[in-house]
């Protein structure tokens, strides 16, 4: 990907080495405004059940995601 390239969506994880997925989502939102952000996480079921979706994230999916869920989002 070259600087300035556009993309249709961003898929990130919640917990990653050296960076938190919430920070990734905030930065993507700052740079790309309305691009959809999907967060994959092993905590997905809990986040969904407690309506605890992280700020700047459009959808939360549990790991491992089902292809149909990913396509629907």
C-alpha atoms as a PDB file:
ATOM      1  CA  UNK A   1       0.000   0.000   0.000  1.00  0.00           C
ATOM      2  CA  UNK A   2       1.317   3.427  -0.952  1.00  0.00           C
ATOM      3  CA  UNK A   3       0.776   6.589   1.042  1.00  0.00           C
ATOM      4  CA  UNK A   4      -2.564   8.080   0.081  1.00  0.00           C
ATOM      5  CA  UNK A   5      -4.083   4.770  -1.051  1.00  0.00           C
ATOM      6  CA  UNK A   6      -7.700   4.237  -0.051  1.00  0.00           C
ATOM      7  CA  UNK A   7      -9.158   1.142   1.535  1.00  0.00           C
ATOM      8  CA  UNK A   8     -12.704  -0.066   2.169  1.00  0.00           C
ATOM      9  CA  UNK A   9     -12.398  -1.181   5.802  1.00  0.00           C
ATOM     10  CA  UNK A  10      -9.931  -1.771   8.618  1.00  0.00           C
ATOM     11  CA  UNK A  11      -9.846  -4.977  10.643  1.00  0.00           C
ATOM     12  CA  UNK A  12      -7.841  -4.810  13.849  1.00  0.00           C
ATOM     13  CA  UNK A  13      -7.395  -6.846  16.999  1.00  0.00           C
ATOM     14  CA  UNK A  14      -8.027  -5.543  20.505  1.00  0.00           C
ATOM     15  CA  UNK A  15      -4.805  -6.787  22.085  1.00  0.00           C
ATOM     16  CA  UNK A  16      -1.596  -6.719  20.070  1.00  0.00           C
ATOM     17  CA  UNK A  17       2.065  -6.458  20.990  1.00  0.00           C
ATOM     18  CA  UNK A  18       3.172  -2.850  21.458  1.00  0.00           C
ATOM     19  CA  UNK A  19      -0.180  -1.267  20.572  1.00  0.00           C
ATOM     20  CA  UNK A  20      -3.760  -1.404  21.778  1.00  0.00           C
ATOM     21  CA  UNK A  21      -6.506  -1.898  19.193  1.00  0.00           C
ATOM     22  CA  UNK A  22      -8.398   1.054  20.680  1.00  0.00           C
ATOM     23  CA  UNK A  23      -5.462   3.309  19.780  1.00  0.00           C
ATOM     24  CA  UNK A  24      -5.339   1.863  16.276  1.00  0.00           C
ATOM     25  CA  UNK A  25      -9.066   2.553  15.826  1.00  0.00           C
ATOM     26  CA  UNK A  26      -8.720   6.121  17.124  1.00  0.00           C
ATOM     27  CA  UNK A  27      -5.835   6.845  14.753  1.00  0.00           C
ATOM     28  CA  UNK A  28      -7.578   5.315  11.739  1.00  0.00           C
ATOM     29  CA  UNK A  29     -10.690   7.354  12.526  1.00  0.00           C
ATOM     30  CA  UNK A  30      -8.531  10.481  12.749  1.00  0.00           C
ATOM     31  CA  UNK A  31      -6.837   9.763   9.418  1.00  0.00           C
ATOM     32  CA  UNK A  32      -9.678   8.259   7.382  1.00  0.00           C
ATOM     33  CA  UNK A  33     -12.868   9.596   8.971  1.00  0.00           C
ATOM     34  CA  UNK A  34     -15.676   7.310   7.928  1.00  0.00           C
ATOM     35  CA  UNK A  35     -13.856   4.096   6.999  1.00  0.00           C
ATOM     36  CA  UNK A  36     -15.535   1.154   8.783  1.00  0.00           C
ATOM     37  CA  UNK A  37     -13.469  -0.318  11.617  1.00  0.00           C
ATOM     38  CA  UNK A  38     -14.020  -3.920  12.703  1.00  0.00           C
ATOM     39  CA  UNK A  39     -12.391  -5.212  15.860  1.00  0.00           C
ATOM     40  CA  UNK A  40     -11.647  -8.911  16.258  1.00  0.00           C
ATOM     41  CA  UNK A  41     -11.106 -10.091  19.804  1.00  0.00           C
ATOM     42  CA  UNK A  42     -11.254 -13.138  21.999  1.00  0.00           C
ATOM     43  CA  UNK A  43     -13.341 -10.939  24.304  1.00  0.00           C
ATOM     44  CA  UNK A  44     -15.923 -10.278  21.569  1.00  0.00           C
ATOM     45  CA  UNK A  45     -18.789 -12.198  23.150  1.00  0.00           C
ATOM     46  CA  UNK A  46     -18.341 -10.321  26.431  1.00  0.00           C
ATOM     47  CA  UNK A  47     -18.022  -6.926  24.745  1.00  0.00           C
ATOM     48  CA  UNK A  48     -21.133  -7.572  22.668  1.00  0.00           C
ATOM     49  CA  UNK A  49     -23.151  -8.925  25.618  1.00  0.00           C
ATOM     50  CA  UNK A  50     -22.315  -5.930  27.811  1.00  0.00           C
ATOM     51  CA  UNK A  51     -22.673  -3.412  24.969  1.00  0.00           C
ATOM     52  CA  UNK A  52     -19.074  -2.356  25.633  1.00  0.00           C
ATOM     53  CA  UNK A  53     -18.021  -1.587  22.080  1.00  0.00           C
ATOM     54  CA  UNK A  54     -14.788   0.440  22.050  1.00  0.00           C
ATOM     55  CA  UNK A  55     -14.966   4.024  20.876  1.00  0.00           C
ATOM     56  CA  UNK A  56     -14.292   4.530  17.139  1.00  0.00           C
ATOM     57  CA  UNK A  57     -15.121   0.867  16.392  1.00  0.00           C
ATOM     58  CA  UNK A  58     -18.111   0.140  14.150  1.00  0.00           C
ATOM     59  CA  UNK A  59     -18.401  -3.612  14.795  1.00  0.00           C
ATOM     60  CA  UNK A  60     -16.934  -6.134  17.214  1.00  0.00           C
ATOM     61  CA  UNK A  61     -16.472  -9.745  16.154  1.00  0.00           C
ATOM     62  CA  UNK A  62     -15.366 -12.663  18.294  1.00  0.00           C
ATOM     63  CA  UNK A  63     -12.408 -14.805  17.343  1.00  0.00           C
ATOM     64  CA  UNK A  64     -12.341 -16.855  15.316  1.00  0.00           C
ATOM     65  CA  UNK A  65     -14.734 -14.982  13.031  1.00  0.00           C
ATOM     66  CA  UNK A  66     -17.029 -16.887  10.740  1.00  0.00           C
ATOM     67  CA  UNK A  67     -16.627 -15.873   7.102  1.00  0.00           C
ATOM     68  CA  UNK A  68     -20.348 -15.100   6.813  1.00  0.00           C
ATOM     69  CA  UNK A  69     -20.128 -12.751   9.843  1.00  0.00           C
ATOM     70  CA  UNK A  70     -17.121 -10.991   8.404  1.00  0.00           C
ATOM     71  CA  UNK A  71     -18.767 -10.537   5.019  1.00  0.00           C
ATOM     72  CA  UNK A  72     -21.979  -9.278   6.643  1.00  0.00           C
ATOM     73  CA  UNK A  73     -20.072  -6.623   8.534  1.00  0.00           C
END
